[in-house]
Amino acid sequence: MTLVLEKLFDKYKLGKKDRYEIQQIYSFLSPQKKIQMVENFEDLVAHIWVLKKEMFAEQQILFDNTLQNIEQKIKEAEKSRVQHSTQAEITKLRNFILG
């Protein structure tokens, strides 16, 4: 039956990680469930592809949000630095004028 899985893996161009994970699951199945898995392999692969697509979209959203947060923090830090520097210059001028 492993040869059948290998042919299915090749047919659907599954990567090493997916092959390994499917083989691990397959090894724990009862003989009847193994047959069902092989018979429904196309549906299984379709579900895997849908899940991967959804995960990729979620990763993109998280990555974009993270970049936006980083950019905002950089802008806030720059603004704070400029405000602090400006305040220091104002204090120096005030001391110069008054003093």
N, C-alpha and C. Protein backbone atom coordinates (compact mmCIF):
# COMPACT_ATOMS: atom_id res chain seq x y z
N MET A 1 0.82 -1.20 0.00
CA MET A 1 0.00 0.00 0.00
C MET A 1 0.86 1.26 0.00
N THR A 2 2.06 1.17 0.54
CA THR A 2 2.95 2.33 0.56
C THR A 2 3.31 2.75 -0.86
N LEU A 3 3.44 1.79 -1.76
CA LEU A 3 3.73 2.10 -3.16
C LEU A 3 2.58 2.90 -3.77
N VAL A 4 1.36 2.54 -3.40
CA VAL A 4 0.19 3.28 -3.87
C VAL A 4 0.26 4.73 -3.39
N LEU A 5 0.63 4.90 -2.12
CA LEU A 5 0.77 6.26 -1.58
C LEU A 5 1.85 7.03 -2.33
N GLU A 6 2.97 6.39 -2.59
CA GLU A 6 4.05 7.06 -3.30
C GLU A 6 3.58 7.53 -4.68
N LYS A 7 2.82 6.71 -5.36
CA LYS A 7 2.29 7.09 -6.68
C LYS A 7 1.34 8.28 -6.55
N LEU A 8 0.51 8.25 -5.50
CA LEU A 8 -0.40 9.37 -5.27
C LEU A 8 0.36 10.65 -4.91
N PHE A 9 1.39 10.50 -4.10
CA PHE A 9 2.22 11.65 -3.75
C PHE A 9 2.81 12.29 -5.01
N ASP A 10 3.32 11.43 -5.89
CA ASP A 10 3.91 11.93 -7.14
C ASP A 10 2.84 12.55 -8.03
N LYS A 11 1.70 11.90 -8.13
CA LYS A 11 0.62 12.39 -8.99
C LYS A 11 0.19 13.79 -8.58
N TYR A 12 0.08 14.02 -7.27
CA TYR A 12 -0.39 15.31 -6.78
C TYR A 12 0.75 16.25 -6.38
N LYS A 13 1.98 15.82 -6.68
CA LYS A 13 3.16 16.66 -6.46
C LYS A 13 3.24 17.21 -5.03
N LEU A 14 3.08 16.31 -4.08
CA LEU A 14 3.16 16.71 -2.67
C LEU A 14 4.61 16.82 -2.23
N GLY A 15 4.86 17.78 -1.38
CA GLY A 15 6.21 18.00 -0.86
C GLY A 15 6.57 17.00 0.22
N LYS A 16 7.83 17.05 0.62
CA LYS A 16 8.34 16.11 1.63
C LYS A 16 7.57 16.19 2.94
N LYS A 17 7.27 17.40 3.38
CA LYS A 17 6.57 17.57 4.66
C LYS A 17 5.18 16.94 4.60
N ASP A 18 4.44 17.23 3.55
CA ASP A 18 3.10 16.66 3.41
C ASP A 18 3.16 15.14 3.30
N ARG A 19 4.12 14.64 2.54
CA ARG A 19 4.28 13.19 2.40
C ARG A 19 4.52 12.54 3.76
N TYR A 20 5.43 13.14 4.51
CA TYR A 20 5.77 12.59 5.82
C TYR A 20 4.54 12.58 6.74
N GLU A 21 3.85 13.71 6.79
CA GLU A 21 2.70 13.81 7.68
C GLU A 21 1.59 12.84 7.29
N ILE A 22 1.35 12.70 5.99
CA ILE A 22 0.32 11.76 5.54
C ILE A 22 0.73 10.33 5.86
N GLN A 23 2.00 10.01 5.67
CA GLN A 23 2.47 8.66 5.99
C GLN A 23 2.33 8.37 7.48
N GLN A 24 2.60 9.37 8.31
CA GLN A 24 2.46 9.18 9.76
C GLN A 24 1.01 8.88 10.12
N ILE A 25 0.10 9.65 9.57
CA ILE A 25 -1.33 9.42 9.83
C ILE A 25 -1.74 8.05 9.29
N TYR A 26 -1.30 7.76 8.08
CA TYR A 26 -1.67 6.50 7.42
C TYR A 26 -1.24 5.29 8.25
N SER A 27 -0.08 5.39 8.87
CA SER A 27 0.45 4.25 9.62
C SER A 27 -0.42 3.90 10.84
N PHE A 28 -1.20 4.84 11.33
CA PHE A 28 -2.04 4.59 12.50
C PHE A 28 -3.47 4.17 12.14
N LEU A 29 -3.81 4.22 10.86
CA LEU A 29 -5.17 3.90 10.45
C LEU A 29 -5.42 2.39 10.40
N SER A 30 -6.67 2.04 10.59
CA SER A 30 -7.08 0.64 10.42
C SER A 30 -7.04 0.31 8.93
N PRO A 31 -6.99 -0.96 8.58
CA PRO A 31 -6.95 -1.34 7.16
C PRO A 31 -8.10 -0.72 6.35
N GLN A 32 -9.28 -0.69 6.92
CA GLN A 32 -10.43 -0.11 6.21
C GLN A 32 -10.25 1.39 5.99
N LYS A 33 -9.76 2.07 7.00
CA LYS A 33 -9.54 3.52 6.90
C LYS A 33 -8.42 3.83 5.89
N LYS A 34 -7.42 2.95 5.83
CA LYS A 34 -6.35 3.14 4.85
C LYS A 34 -6.91 3.08 3.43
N ILE A 35 -7.80 2.12 3.20
CA ILE A 35 -8.42 2.00 1.88
C ILE A 35 -9.25 3.24 1.57
N GLN A 36 -10.01 3.71 2.56
CA GLN A 36 -10.81 4.91 2.37
C GLN A 36 -9.93 6.13 2.07
N MET A 37 -8.80 6.20 2.75
CA MET A 37 -7.89 7.32 2.54
C MET A 37 -7.38 7.32 1.10
N VAL A 38 -6.99 6.15 0.62
CA VAL A 38 -6.49 6.04 -0.76
C VAL A 38 -7.60 6.37 -1.75
N GLU A 39 -8.79 5.86 -1.49
CA GLU A 39 -9.92 6.10 -2.40
C GLU A 39 -10.31 7.58 -2.43
N ASN A 40 -10.15 8.26 -1.33
CA ASN A 40 -10.54 9.67 -1.23
C ASN A 40 -9.34 10.61 -1.24
N PHE A 41 -8.23 10.14 -1.77
CA PHE A 41 -6.99 10.90 -1.70
C PHE A 41 -7.10 12.26 -2.40
N GLU A 42 -7.79 12.30 -3.51
CA GLU A 42 -7.95 13.56 -4.24
C GLU A 42 -8.65 14.60 -3.37
N ASP A 43 -9.69 14.18 -2.64
CA ASP A 43 -10.39 15.10 -1.74
C ASP A 43 -9.47 15.54 -0.60
N LEU A 44 -8.69 14.62 -0.08
CA LEU A 44 -7.74 14.94 0.99
C LEU A 44 -6.75 16.01 0.53
N VAL A 45 -6.21 15.81 -0.65
CA VAL A 45 -5.24 16.78 -1.20
C VAL A 45 -5.91 18.13 -1.43
N ALA A 46 -7.15 18.10 -1.92
CA ALA A 46 -7.88 19.36 -2.14
C ALA A 46 -8.05 20.11 -0.82
N HIS A 47 -8.37 19.39 0.24
CA HIS A 47 -8.51 20.02 1.56
C HIS A 47 -7.17 20.58 2.04
N ILE A 48 -6.12 19.84 1.82
CA ILE A 48 -4.79 20.31 2.22
C ILE A 48 -4.46 21.60 1.49
N TRP A 49 -4.73 21.66 0.19
CA TRP A 49 -4.43 22.87 -0.60
C TRP A 49 -5.26 24.06 -0.14
N VAL A 50 -6.53 23.81 0.17
CA VAL A 50 -7.38 24.90 0.66
C VAL A 50 -6.83 25.42 1.99
N LEU A 51 -6.49 24.51 2.89
CA LEU A 51 -5.95 24.92 4.19
C LEU A 51 -4.64 25.68 4.04
N LYS A 52 -3.78 25.22 3.14
CA LYS A 52 -2.50 25.93 2.93
C LYS A 52 -2.74 27.33 2.38
N LYS A 53 -3.70 27.44 1.47
CA LYS A 53 -4.03 28.74 0.89
C LYS A 53 -4.54 29.69 1.98
N GLU A 54 -5.42 29.17 2.84
CA GLU A 54 -5.95 29.98 3.93
C GLU A 54 -4.85 30.38 4.91
N MET A 55 -3.97 29.43 5.21
CA MET A 55 -2.86 29.73 6.13
C MET A 55 -1.93 30.79 5.53
N PHE A 56 -1.68 30.70 4.23
CA PHE A 56 -0.82 31.68 3.57
C PHE A 56 -1.46 33.07 3.65
N ALA A 57 -2.76 33.13 3.40
CA ALA A 57 -3.46 34.42 3.47
C ALA A 57 -3.38 34.99 4.89
N GLU A 58 -3.58 34.15 5.89
CA GLU A 58 -3.48 34.60 7.28
C GLU A 58 -2.07 35.06 7.61
N GLN A 59 -1.07 34.34 7.11
CA GLN A 59 0.32 34.75 7.35
C GLN A 59 0.60 36.11 6.73
N GLN A 60 0.06 36.34 5.53
CA GLN A 60 0.26 37.63 4.87
C GLN A 60 -0.37 38.75 5.68
N ILE A 61 -1.58 38.51 6.19
CA ILE A 61 -2.26 39.52 7.00
C ILE A 61 -1.44 39.82 8.26
N LEU A 62 -0.98 38.76 8.94
CA LEU A 62 -0.18 38.96 10.15
C LEU A 62 1.13 39.68 9.85
N PHE A 63 1.77 39.30 8.74
CA PHE A 63 3.02 39.94 8.34
C PHE A 63 2.80 41.42 8.05
N ASP A 64 1.73 41.72 7.29
CA ASP A 64 1.43 43.12 6.97
C ASP A 64 1.13 43.91 8.24
N ASN A 65 0.36 43.33 9.15
CA ASN A 65 0.05 44.00 10.41
C ASN A 65 1.32 44.26 11.22
N THR A 66 2.20 43.28 11.24
CA THR A 66 3.46 43.43 11.97
C THR A 66 4.30 44.55 11.37
N LEU A 67 4.38 44.59 10.05
CA LEU A 67 5.14 45.67 9.40
C LEU A 67 4.53 47.04 9.71
N GLN A 68 3.22 47.12 9.68
CA GLN A 68 2.56 48.39 9.99
C GLN A 68 2.85 48.80 11.43
N ASN A 69 2.83 47.84 12.35
CA ASN A 69 3.13 48.15 13.75
C ASN A 69 4.57 48.63 13.91
N ILE A 70 5.49 47.98 13.23
CA ILE A 70 6.90 48.38 13.30
C ILE A 70 7.07 49.79 12.74
N GLU A 71 6.46 50.05 11.59
CA GLU A 71 6.56 51.39 10.99
C GLU A 71 5.99 52.44 11.93
N GLN A 72 4.87 52.14 12.56
CA GLN A 72 4.25 53.10 13.49
C GLN A 72 5.17 53.35 14.69
N LYS A 73 5.77 52.29 15.22
CA LYS A 73 6.68 52.44 16.37
C LYS A 73 7.90 53.28 15.98
N ILE A 74 8.41 53.07 14.78
CA ILE A 74 9.56 53.85 14.31
C ILE A 74 9.17 55.33 14.19
N LYS A 75 8.00 55.59 13.62
CA LYS A 75 7.54 56.97 13.49
C LYS A 75 7.35 57.62 14.85
N GLU A 76 6.77 56.88 15.79
CA GLU A 76 6.56 57.41 17.14
C GLU A 76 7.90 57.70 17.82
N ALA A 77 8.86 56.79 17.65
CA ALA A 77 10.18 57.00 18.26
C ALA A 77 10.87 58.20 17.65
N GLU A 78 10.75 58.35 16.34
CA GLU A 78 11.36 59.51 15.66
C GLU A 78 10.70 60.80 16.13
N LYS A 79 9.38 60.79 16.22
CA LYS A 79 8.65 61.97 16.68
C LYS A 79 9.06 62.33 18.11
N SER A 80 9.18 61.33 18.96
CA SER A 80 9.58 61.55 20.35
C SER A 80 11.00 62.11 20.42
N ARG A 81 11.88 61.56 19.59
CA ARG A 81 13.26 62.03 19.57
C ARG A 81 13.32 63.48 19.12
N VAL A 82 12.56 63.82 18.08
CA VAL A 82 12.54 65.19 17.58
C VAL A 82 11.96 66.13 18.64
N GLN A 83 10.87 65.70 19.29
CA GLN A 83 10.27 66.54 20.33
C GLN A 83 11.26 66.77 21.48
N HIS A 84 11.94 65.71 21.88
CA HIS A 84 12.91 65.83 22.97
C HIS A 84 14.05 66.76 22.58
N SER A 85 14.53 66.59 21.35
CA SER A 85 15.63 67.42 20.86
C SER A 85 15.18 68.88 20.77
N THR A 86 13.98 69.11 20.28
CA THR A 86 13.44 70.46 20.16
C THR A 86 13.29 71.11 21.54
N GLN A 87 12.77 70.34 22.47
CA GLN A 87 12.59 70.85 23.84
C GLN A 87 13.94 71.21 24.45
N ALA A 88 14.93 70.41 24.20
CA ALA A 88 16.28 70.70 24.72
C ALA A 88 16.82 71.99 24.11
N GLU A 89 16.59 72.19 22.80
CA GLU A 89 17.06 73.41 22.14
C GLU A 89 16.33 74.64 22.67
N ILE A 90 15.03 74.49 22.91
CA ILE A 90 14.25 75.60 23.47
C ILE A 90 14.79 75.98 24.85
N THR A 91 15.08 74.98 25.65
CA THR A 91 15.63 75.23 26.99
C THR A 91 16.97 75.94 26.90
N LYS A 92 17.84 75.53 25.99
CA LYS A 92 19.14 76.20 25.81
C LYS A 92 18.95 77.65 25.40
N LEU A 93 18.04 77.90 24.45
CA LEU A 93 17.79 79.28 24.00
C LEU A 93 17.24 80.14 25.13
N ARG A 94 16.31 79.57 25.86
CA ARG A 94 15.72 80.31 26.99
C ARG A 94 16.80 80.67 28.00
N ASN A 95 17.65 79.73 28.32
CA ASN A 95 18.74 79.98 29.28
C ASN A 95 19.72 81.03 28.72
N PHE A 96 19.97 80.96 27.42
CA PHE A 96 20.87 81.94 26.79
C PHE A 96 20.28 83.33 26.84
N ILE A 97 18.98 83.42 26.50
CA ILE A 97 18.31 84.73 26.46
C ILE A 97 18.17 85.31 27.87
N LEU A 98 17.78 84.46 28.80
CA LEU A 98 17.54 84.94 30.16
C LEU A 98 18.83 85.03 30.98
N GLY A 99 19.79 84.37 30.54
CA GLY A 99 20.85 84.26 31.43
C GLY A 99 22.15 84.81 31.29
